[in-house]
Amino acid sequence: MCPPPPTVSLNLTGWFAKPKPSPLPASKQRSGERLKVLHLSDVHLDPRYASGAEANCSSGTCCRANKPNPLSPNSVLLAAPRFGAYHCDTPLSLTLSGLEAIPVLTGTNGSGFAWTLYTGDLVSHDPDNQLSRRYVEYTESIIYDLFKRMLGSGPVYAALGNHDSYNQWSLFLQDAPRSLGGALAQQFSWNYDHVASLWEHEQWLPHSTVQLARYHYSAYMTRRGDGLRIISLNTDFWYRANYFNYINMTNPDNSGMLRFLTDELQDAEDTGDRGWDGTNPLRNPTNLFTITVYQIVDRYSPHVIANIFFGHTHEDQMNIFYTNNATEMISEAATAVSWACPSLTPNNNLNSGFRVYEVDSATFEIMDAHTWKSDVSSFPALDPQTEFGPTYSYEYNTREAYGGDISGWSADDPLNATWWHLVTEGMN
């Protein structure tokens, strides 16, 4: 009911002791070797999915035994197929089908990916009275174990989504900053401890990184042997429903998350590393978060930040960042791109999907991207047999679909912010 405080500018003399280099450091030469990187998001596994239940319940998560269609409470108007439906979260059968298809379709059977990005949301869409701490821990354990078993070798770098927790008194995820002190600051640490221990158990992160994730709300940085830094943030701190956002709102960084990010990016700049920002931004962050992060991206792009990735929307999307808060949107001002991956869940009336990037092994630029989907409208025809599951088919190649004919851009040039800006000019 209260108006938000005015946005504040980032303290460039406090957080950034060094100005942006001018001229920018010379870029590395591309190796020509391309790595395969998988991007998955928003599984939303539903252990309570009930085949044959109402798939059009009109509100909330459908395909549940206790969610009839209000127009016909004593009969089923649209029966939930075994493998999923558009208004429902993901049954285990669809999760397994998707993970089984990925190595075969992407040509990584037996070899695995260089790495996988998982940008959050493992847990089903449920109100608090149908959730529990053990329910969340169960889902996280199951999904990460399936990733390890079915995707082959290569680490999975994960972020928490806004549904990946449990709270007794809120509608959405709560995160308490350590600045509160004492028990108040520790009340959600069980989840950070749990996911960090799973990431260590699956041998995706070294012990030192796991300890950082435990202490820092599941956010972490890990530096790979090839010089790439993966930075994963818990951006749930800026969710509107997080009540802790309303304590000392004049401070844009109560949690220390943004300081953690800028410290890592500054260290990467000082040592000549590049970083992939595996964040999970939410649709409704506070203005303070939005403005501050844009300044951070502006400061460290394109020489440090290679790419940014997120989930949450369930949709296939991208965003272009420009210098000076996008006051001038021209190709020369385009500095960074954020990629959103289609969700595995068909919830929100979307087809199930995933993406694979071709990444240069020296510069970590995205050279191409490939997206697959499964047509959820075909799932009813698969019942009642169980021998054959859903088919995932190749949907599109990013370069060919959006900019195969861009003047002056060859197949050896990356799909960077400049390329995407030229794509938008072509669309206009």
Protein backbone atom coordinates (compact mmCIF):
# COMPACT_ATOMS: atom_id res chain seq x y z
CA MET A 1 0.00 0.00 0.00
CA CYS A 2 3.01 2.30 0.38
CA PRO A 3 4.79 3.86 -2.60
CA PRO A 4 8.21 2.34 -3.36
CA PRO A 5 11.28 4.39 -2.51
CA PRO A 6 13.02 6.17 -5.37
CA THR A 7 15.61 4.19 -7.27
CA VAL A 8 19.23 4.85 -6.41
CA SER A 9 22.32 4.91 -8.58
CA LEU A 10 24.98 2.34 -7.92
CA ASN A 11 27.88 3.70 -5.88
CA LEU A 12 30.51 3.40 -8.58
CA THR A 13 33.27 4.64 -6.29
CA GLY A 14 32.33 2.17 -3.58
CA TRP A 15 31.53 -1.06 -5.41
CA PHE A 16 33.65 -0.41 -8.46
CA ALA A 17 37.00 0.90 -7.38
CA LYS A 18 38.16 0.75 -11.00
CA PRO A 19 36.44 2.43 -13.94
CA LYS A 20 35.60 0.42 -17.03
CA PRO A 21 38.79 -0.08 -19.06
CA SER A 22 39.17 2.16 -22.06
CA PRO A 23 39.89 0.83 -24.56
CA LEU A 24 38.52 -2.57 -23.65
CA PRO A 25 40.97 -5.48 -23.49
CA ALA A 26 41.56 -7.21 -26.78
CA SER A 27 39.30 -10.19 -27.33
CA LYS A 28 40.71 -13.69 -27.44
CA GLN A 29 40.91 -15.45 -30.76
CA ARG A 30 38.20 -18.01 -31.32
CA SER A 31 39.43 -21.58 -31.27
CA GLY A 32 36.98 -22.90 -33.84
CA GLU A 33 36.24 -25.77 -31.46
CA ARG A 34 32.61 -25.81 -30.39
CA LEU A 35 31.36 -27.17 -27.09
CA LYS A 36 27.84 -28.46 -26.59
CA VAL A 37 26.08 -26.81 -23.63
CA LEU A 38 22.58 -27.85 -22.54
CA HIS A 39 20.08 -25.37 -21.09
CA LEU A 40 17.15 -26.77 -19.09
CA SER A 41 14.63 -24.89 -17.01
CA ASP A 42 11.39 -25.18 -15.06
CA VAL A 43 10.81 -28.91 -14.72
CA HIS A 44 8.13 -28.43 -12.03
CA LEU A 45 7.90 -32.13 -11.26
CA ASP A 46 4.46 -33.08 -9.94
CA PRO A 47 4.57 -36.27 -7.84
CA ARG A 48 0.79 -35.94 -7.36
CA TYR A 49 0.00 -35.95 -11.09
CA ALA A 50 -2.98 -38.27 -11.63
CA SER A 51 -3.59 -39.77 -15.08
CA GLY A 52 -7.29 -39.56 -15.92
CA ALA A 53 -7.95 -36.64 -13.57
CA GLU A 54 -9.41 -33.36 -14.84
CA ALA A 55 -6.90 -31.58 -17.09
CA ASN A 56 -8.96 -28.40 -17.28
CA CYS A 57 -9.80 -27.52 -13.70
CA SER A 58 -10.06 -23.78 -14.44
CA SER A 59 -7.78 -22.67 -11.58
CA GLY A 60 -4.46 -23.67 -10.09
CA THR A 61 -2.54 -26.78 -11.06
CA CYS A 62 -4.77 -29.32 -12.81
CA CYS A 63 -4.36 -33.09 -13.34
CA ARG A 64 -4.87 -33.68 -9.64
CA ALA A 65 -7.41 -36.04 -8.10
CA ASN A 66 -8.74 -33.23 -5.91
CA LYS A 67 -9.11 -30.61 -8.68
CA PRO A 68 -12.33 -31.18 -10.67
CA ASN A 69 -13.73 -28.89 -13.32
CA PRO A 70 -16.24 -26.67 -11.47
CA LEU A 71 -18.75 -27.05 -14.32
CA SER A 72 -18.76 -30.81 -13.86
CA PRO A 73 -17.54 -31.69 -10.36
CA ASN A 74 -18.73 -35.32 -10.56
CA SER A 75 -17.28 -36.21 -13.96
CA VAL A 76 -14.13 -35.57 -15.98
CA LEU A 77 -14.49 -33.36 -19.05
CA LEU A 78 -10.86 -33.49 -20.18
CA ALA A 79 -8.91 -36.50 -18.93
CA ALA A 80 -5.22 -35.99 -18.07
CA PRO A 81 -3.01 -38.05 -20.41
CA ARG A 82 -0.27 -40.18 -18.91
CA PHE A 83 2.49 -37.90 -20.24
CA GLY A 84 1.12 -34.47 -19.36
CA ALA A 85 -1.27 -31.69 -20.35
CA TYR A 86 -1.13 -27.95 -21.01
CA HIS A 87 -2.57 -26.77 -17.68
CA CYS A 88 -0.63 -29.21 -15.55
CA ASP A 89 2.83 -29.60 -14.09
CA THR A 90 5.19 -32.32 -15.25
CA PRO A 91 4.46 -35.97 -14.47
CA LEU A 92 7.45 -38.20 -13.83
CA SER A 93 6.76 -39.97 -17.14
CA LEU A 94 7.29 -36.74 -19.13
CA THR A 95 10.38 -35.82 -17.10
CA LEU A 96 11.93 -39.21 -17.88
CA SER A 97 10.93 -39.01 -21.55
CA GLY A 98 12.53 -35.59 -21.95
CA LEU A 99 15.76 -36.56 -20.20
CA GLU A 100 15.91 -39.81 -22.19
CA ALA A 101 15.50 -37.96 -25.49
CA ILE A 102 18.09 -35.24 -24.87
CA PRO A 103 21.34 -37.27 -25.25
CA VAL A 104 20.01 -39.07 -28.34
CA LEU A 105 18.72 -36.00 -30.17
CA THR A 106 21.75 -33.85 -29.38
CA GLY A 107 24.34 -36.46 -30.33
CA THR A 108 25.85 -36.63 -26.85
CA ASN A 109 24.97 -40.26 -26.05
CA GLY A 110 27.86 -41.58 -23.97
CA SER A 111 29.88 -38.36 -24.15
CA GLY A 112 27.71 -35.91 -22.22
CA PHE A 113 27.71 -32.13 -22.45
CA ALA A 114 30.58 -29.78 -21.70
CA TRP A 115 28.22 -28.50 -19.00
CA THR A 116 24.52 -28.02 -18.37
CA LEU A 117 22.71 -24.93 -17.09
CA TYR A 118 19.59 -25.41 -14.99
CA THR A 119 17.88 -22.08 -14.33
CA GLY A 120 15.51 -23.04 -11.58
CA ASP A 121 12.05 -24.26 -10.59
CA LEU A 122 12.06 -27.95 -9.79
CA VAL A 123 9.02 -27.97 -7.48
CA SER A 124 5.35 -28.07 -8.53
CA HIS A 125 3.04 -25.05 -8.38
CA ASP A 126 1.32 -25.57 -5.04
CA PRO A 127 -0.09 -23.44 -2.24
CA ASP A 128 1.71 -23.62 1.08
CA ASN A 129 -0.81 -25.97 2.64
CA GLN A 130 0.12 -28.62 0.05
CA LEU A 131 3.87 -28.17 0.44
CA SER A 132 6.36 -29.18 3.09
CA ARG A 133 10.08 -29.01 3.63
CA ARG A 134 10.36 -32.75 2.94
CA TYR A 135 8.32 -32.39 -0.27
CA VAL A 136 10.77 -29.78 -1.56
CA GLU A 137 13.82 -31.82 -0.50
CA TYR A 138 12.35 -34.91 -2.16
CA THR A 139 11.80 -33.09 -5.47
CA GLU A 140 15.28 -31.56 -5.48
CA SER A 141 16.89 -34.91 -4.71
CA ILE A 142 14.95 -36.74 -7.43
CA ILE A 143 15.57 -34.21 -10.20
CA TYR A 144 19.28 -33.66 -9.59
CA ASP A 145 19.80 -37.42 -9.37
CA LEU A 146 18.00 -37.90 -12.70
CA PHE A 147 20.15 -35.20 -14.29
CA LYS A 148 23.27 -37.03 -13.14
CA ARG A 149 22.07 -40.45 -14.30
CA MET A 150 20.54 -39.52 -17.66
CA LEU A 151 22.44 -36.56 -19.13
CA GLY A 152 25.89 -38.14 -19.13
CA SER A 153 29.13 -36.61 -17.94
CA GLY A 154 29.65 -32.89 -17.49
CA PRO A 155 28.65 -30.73 -14.53
CA VAL A 156 25.23 -29.19 -14.02
CA TYR A 157 25.32 -25.58 -12.82
CA ALA A 158 22.00 -24.81 -11.16
CA ALA A 159 20.12 -21.87 -9.67
CA LEU A 160 17.12 -21.80 -7.34
CA GLY A 161 13.73 -20.86 -8.75
CA ASN A 162 10.98 -19.05 -6.89
CA HIS A 163 9.14 -22.33 -6.23
CA ASP A 164 12.17 -24.18 -4.88
CA SER A 165 11.54 -23.69 -1.20
CA TYR A 166 8.87 -24.02 1.46
CA ASN A 167 7.50 -21.44 3.85
CA GLN A 168 4.80 -21.79 6.45
CA TRP A 169 3.41 -18.29 6.08
CA SER A 170 3.87 -16.99 2.55
CA LEU A 171 2.55 -17.52 -0.93
CA PHE A 172 5.96 -17.48 -2.57
CA LEU A 173 9.57 -18.02 -1.74
CA GLN A 174 11.03 -16.10 1.17
CA ASP A 175 14.70 -15.31 1.68
CA ALA A 176 16.09 -13.68 4.78
CA PRO A 177 19.31 -11.63 4.49
CA ARG A 178 22.14 -12.33 6.91
CA SER A 179 22.09 -8.66 7.85
CA LEU A 180 19.08 -9.47 10.08
CA GLY A 181 21.38 -11.44 12.37
CA GLY A 182 20.67 -14.39 14.67
CA ALA A 183 17.98 -17.00 14.08
CA LEU A 184 15.97 -14.75 11.77
CA ALA A 185 18.77 -14.81 9.24
CA GLN A 186 19.12 -18.60 9.43
CA GLN A 187 15.49 -19.66 9.00
CA PHE A 188 15.83 -20.69 5.36
CA SER A 189 19.39 -22.04 5.48
CA TRP A 190 18.10 -25.64 5.45
CA ASN A 191 17.40 -25.34 1.73
CA TYR A 192 20.75 -23.78 0.87
CA ASP A 193 22.48 -26.56 2.80
CA HIS A 194 20.37 -29.20 1.07
CA VAL A 195 20.88 -28.14 -2.56
CA ALA A 196 24.56 -27.39 -1.99
CA SER A 197 25.09 -30.87 -0.55
CA LEU A 198 23.33 -32.38 -3.59
CA TRP A 199 25.55 -30.42 -5.99
CA GLU A 200 28.60 -31.73 -4.13
CA HIS A 201 27.22 -35.29 -4.00
CA GLU A 202 26.73 -35.28 -7.77
CA GLN A 203 30.33 -33.96 -8.12
CA TRP A 204 29.28 -30.87 -10.03
CA LEU A 205 30.91 -28.35 -7.67
CA PRO A 206 34.11 -28.49 -5.58
CA HIS A 207 33.86 -28.39 -1.80
CA SER A 208 35.02 -24.77 -1.50
CA THR A 209 32.26 -23.62 -3.90
CA VAL A 210 29.69 -25.70 -2.03
CA GLN A 211 30.65 -24.01 1.23
CA LEU A 212 30.16 -20.61 -0.43
CA ALA A 213 26.73 -21.68 -1.71
CA ARG A 214 25.70 -22.84 1.76
CA TYR A 215 26.65 -19.52 3.30
CA HIS A 216 25.43 -17.30 0.50
CA TYR A 217 21.81 -18.38 -0.11
CA SER A 218 22.81 -21.02 -2.74
CA ALA A 219 24.62 -18.40 -4.86
CA TYR A 220 28.14 -19.35 -5.93
CA MET A 221 31.02 -18.86 -8.32
CA THR A 222 33.05 -21.71 -9.72
CA ARG A 223 36.08 -21.25 -11.95
CA ARG A 224 36.48 -23.98 -14.49
CA GLY A 225 39.81 -25.29 -15.69
CA ASP A 226 39.30 -23.60 -19.06
CA GLY A 227 39.15 -20.15 -17.41
CA LEU A 228 35.38 -19.72 -17.55
CA ARG A 229 33.64 -18.50 -14.40
CA ILE A 230 30.11 -19.64 -13.74
CA ILE A 231 28.27 -17.22 -11.44
CA SER A 232 24.90 -18.39 -10.15
CA LEU A 233 22.71 -15.93 -8.25
CA ASN A 234 19.70 -16.37 -6.01
CA THR A 235 17.58 -13.56 -7.42
CA ASP A 236 14.56 -14.65 -5.37
CA PHE A 237 15.71 -11.97 -2.93
CA TRP A 238 13.98 -9.39 -5.12
CA TYR A 239 10.67 -11.16 -5.53
CA ARG A 240 7.77 -8.87 -4.66
CA ALA A 241 6.27 -11.47 -2.30
CA ASN A 242 9.50 -11.77 -0.30
CA TYR A 243 8.54 -9.84 2.82
CA PHE A 244 12.17 -9.29 3.73
CA ASN A 245 12.48 -6.92 0.75
CA TYR A 246 10.52 -4.35 2.74
CA ILE A 247 13.08 -4.04 5.51
CA ASN A 248 15.38 -1.09 4.83
CA MET A 249 14.34 -0.61 1.22
CA THR A 250 16.75 2.27 0.75
CA ASN A 251 19.56 -0.30 0.65
CA PRO A 252 19.53 -2.04 -2.76
CA ASP A 253 21.64 -4.93 -1.45
CA ASN A 254 20.54 -6.09 2.00
CA SER A 255 21.63 -9.64 1.20
CA GLY A 256 25.05 -8.75 -0.19
CA MET A 257 24.16 -10.62 -3.39
CA LEU A 258 24.97 -7.76 -5.73
CA ARG A 259 28.25 -7.04 -3.95
CA PHE A 260 29.12 -10.72 -4.32
CA LEU A 261 28.40 -10.48 -8.05
CA THR A 262 30.43 -7.33 -8.62
CA ASP A 263 33.37 -8.64 -6.59
CA GLU A 264 33.48 -11.76 -8.76
CA LEU A 265 33.18 -9.78 -11.98
CA GLN A 266 35.90 -7.36 -10.88
CA ASP A 267 38.19 -10.26 -10.04
CA ALA A 268 37.41 -11.80 -13.43
CA GLU A 269 38.32 -8.51 -15.12
CA ASP A 270 41.56 -8.25 -13.17
CA THR A 271 42.61 -11.79 -14.11
CA GLY A 272 41.32 -11.75 -17.69
CA ASP A 273 38.57 -14.35 -17.16
CA ARG A 274 35.16 -14.45 -18.76
CA GLY A 275 31.96 -15.32 -16.93
CA TRP A 276 28.57 -16.87 -17.59
CA ASP A 277 25.96 -15.37 -15.34
CA GLY A 278 23.60 -18.26 -14.61
CA THR A 279 20.97 -16.18 -12.86
CA ASN A 280 17.25 -16.73 -12.57
CA PRO A 281 15.73 -13.26 -12.76
CA LEU A 282 12.07 -12.98 -11.90
CA ARG A 283 9.35 -11.16 -13.75
CA ASN A 284 8.63 -8.75 -10.88
CA PRO A 285 11.95 -7.69 -9.31
CA THR A 286 12.05 -4.44 -7.39
CA ASN A 287 13.10 -1.31 -9.23
CA LEU A 288 16.25 -1.15 -7.15
CA PHE A 289 17.34 -4.57 -8.36
CA THR A 290 16.52 -3.85 -12.00
CA ILE A 291 18.40 -0.57 -12.15
CA THR A 292 21.39 -1.85 -10.21
CA VAL A 293 21.86 -5.01 -12.24
CA TYR A 294 21.59 -3.08 -15.50
CA GLN A 295 24.45 -0.90 -14.31
CA ILE A 296 26.47 -3.97 -13.37
CA VAL A 297 25.91 -5.55 -16.78
CA ASP A 298 26.84 -2.27 -18.47
CA ARG A 299 30.05 -1.99 -16.42
CA TYR A 300 31.30 -5.52 -17.17
CA SER A 301 30.10 -6.13 -20.72
CA PRO A 302 31.15 -7.29 -23.18
CA HIS A 303 34.73 -7.97 -22.04
CA VAL A 304 33.91 -9.95 -18.87
CA ILE A 305 30.30 -11.17 -19.09
CA ALA A 306 30.07 -13.70 -21.89
CA ASN A 307 26.35 -14.44 -21.58
CA ILE A 308 23.43 -14.32 -19.14
CA PHE A 309 20.81 -17.08 -18.72
CA PHE A 310 17.53 -17.30 -16.88
CA GLY A 311 14.27 -19.22 -16.63
CA HIS A 312 10.99 -18.67 -14.74
CA THR A 313 8.80 -17.44 -17.62
CA HIS A 314 8.54 -20.94 -19.20
CA GLU A 315 8.96 -19.22 -22.57
CA ASP A 316 11.58 -19.03 -25.30
CA GLN A 317 12.83 -15.45 -24.94
CA MET A 318 15.87 -13.22 -25.09
CA ASN A 319 16.83 -9.69 -24.00
CA ILE A 320 19.44 -7.26 -25.28
CA PHE A 321 21.35 -4.99 -22.89
CA TYR A 322 22.64 -1.62 -24.14
CA THR A 323 25.03 0.90 -22.64
CA ASN A 324 23.71 3.81 -20.54
CA ASN A 325 20.46 2.08 -19.58
CA ALA A 326 19.48 1.65 -23.23
CA THR A 327 19.13 5.37 -23.81
CA GLU A 328 20.29 4.74 -27.38
CA MET A 329 19.45 1.35 -28.90
CA ILE A 330 21.89 1.00 -31.76
CA SER A 331 24.20 -1.85 -32.73
CA GLU A 332 27.27 -0.04 -31.37
CA ALA A 333 25.62 0.23 -27.93
CA ALA A 334 24.53 -3.43 -27.67
CA THR A 335 26.73 -5.11 -25.08
CA ALA A 336 25.12 -8.27 -23.65
CA VAL A 337 22.37 -10.82 -24.24
CA SER A 338 20.29 -12.83 -21.80
CA TRP A 339 18.73 -16.08 -22.98
CA ALA A 340 15.58 -17.67 -21.55
CA CYS A 341 15.01 -21.35 -22.14
CA PRO A 342 11.68 -23.05 -22.88
CA SER A 343 10.37 -24.99 -19.89
CA LEU A 344 10.18 -28.75 -19.61
CA THR A 345 6.77 -28.35 -17.98
CA PRO A 346 3.77 -27.76 -20.29
CA ASN A 347 2.12 -25.63 -17.61
CA ASN A 348 1.02 -22.17 -18.83
CA ASN A 349 -0.26 -23.71 -22.09
CA LEU A 350 3.20 -24.27 -23.60
CA ASN A 351 4.94 -27.16 -25.30
CA SER A 352 7.74 -28.93 -23.43
CA GLY A 353 11.21 -27.95 -24.67
CA PHE A 354 14.95 -27.51 -24.16
CA ARG A 355 17.93 -25.87 -25.88
CA VAL A 356 21.54 -26.68 -26.75
CA TYR A 357 24.18 -24.02 -27.42
CA GLU A 358 27.31 -24.34 -29.53
CA VAL A 359 29.98 -22.46 -27.57
CA ASP A 360 33.49 -21.52 -28.71
CA SER A 361 35.95 -23.19 -26.35
CA ALA A 362 38.26 -20.15 -26.15
CA THR A 363 35.98 -17.11 -26.09
CA PHE A 364 32.84 -18.83 -24.66
CA GLU A 365 30.70 -16.99 -27.19
CA ILE A 366 27.53 -18.66 -28.41
CA MET A 367 28.08 -19.55 -32.04
CA ASP A 368 24.74 -21.24 -32.60
CA ALA A 369 21.72 -22.55 -30.70
CA HIS A 370 19.24 -25.36 -31.27
CA THR A 371 15.80 -25.75 -29.73
CA TRP A 372 13.64 -28.88 -29.43
CA LYS A 373 10.01 -29.22 -28.43
CA SER A 374 7.38 -31.86 -27.77
CA ASP A 375 3.84 -31.21 -28.98
CA VAL A 376 1.72 -31.67 -25.86
CA SER A 377 -1.48 -31.79 -27.92
CA SER A 378 -0.28 -35.17 -29.26
CA PHE A 379 -0.05 -36.76 -25.79
CA PRO A 380 -3.67 -38.01 -25.53
CA ALA A 381 -3.08 -40.23 -28.58
CA LEU A 382 -0.34 -42.06 -26.66
CA ASP A 383 -2.84 -43.46 -24.14
CA PRO A 384 -3.46 -46.18 -23.09
CA GLN A 385 -0.24 -47.81 -24.38
CA THR A 386 2.94 -47.25 -22.36
CA GLU A 387 5.62 -48.63 -24.68
CA PHE A 388 6.21 -45.38 -26.56
CA GLY A 389 6.51 -41.99 -24.90
CA PRO A 390 6.35 -38.44 -26.28
CA THR A 391 8.42 -37.44 -29.29
CA TYR A 392 10.74 -34.44 -29.05
CA SER A 393 11.42 -32.93 -32.45
CA TYR A 394 13.83 -30.30 -33.71
CA GLU A 395 12.05 -26.95 -33.68
CA TYR A 396 14.56 -24.45 -35.06
CA ASN A 397 18.13 -23.30 -35.48
CA THR A 398 18.61 -19.81 -34.04
CA ARG A 399 21.04 -18.50 -36.65
CA GLU A 400 19.01 -19.72 -39.61
CA ALA A 401 15.63 -18.72 -38.18
CA TYR A 402 16.53 -15.19 -37.13
CA GLY A 403 19.54 -13.94 -39.00
CA GLY A 404 21.02 -16.24 -41.57
CA ASP A 405 21.10 -13.41 -44.11
CA ILE A 406 22.48 -10.56 -41.98
CA SER A 407 24.91 -8.57 -44.10
CA GLY A 408 28.53 -8.86 -43.01
CA TRP A 409 27.85 -11.66 -40.53
CA SER A 410 29.41 -15.02 -41.32
CA ALA A 411 28.88 -18.46 -39.81
CA ASP A 412 32.09 -17.88 -37.84
CA ASP A 413 30.70 -14.79 -36.07
CA PRO A 414 28.90 -15.20 -32.73
CA LEU A 415 25.26 -14.73 -31.81
CA ASN A 416 26.14 -11.81 -29.55
CA ALA A 417 24.32 -8.61 -28.65
CA THR A 418 25.29 -6.89 -31.89
CA TRP A 419 23.92 -9.79 -33.95
CA TRP A 420 20.67 -9.80 -32.01
CA HIS A 421 20.30 -6.04 -32.45
CA LEU A 422 20.74 -6.46 -36.22
CA VAL A 423 18.05 -9.16 -36.03
CA THR A 424 15.64 -6.68 -34.44
CA GLU A 425 16.43 -4.12 -37.17
CA GLY A 426 15.54 -6.74 -39.74
CA MET A 427 12.28 -7.46 -37.90
CA ASN A 428 11.42 -3.77 -37.83
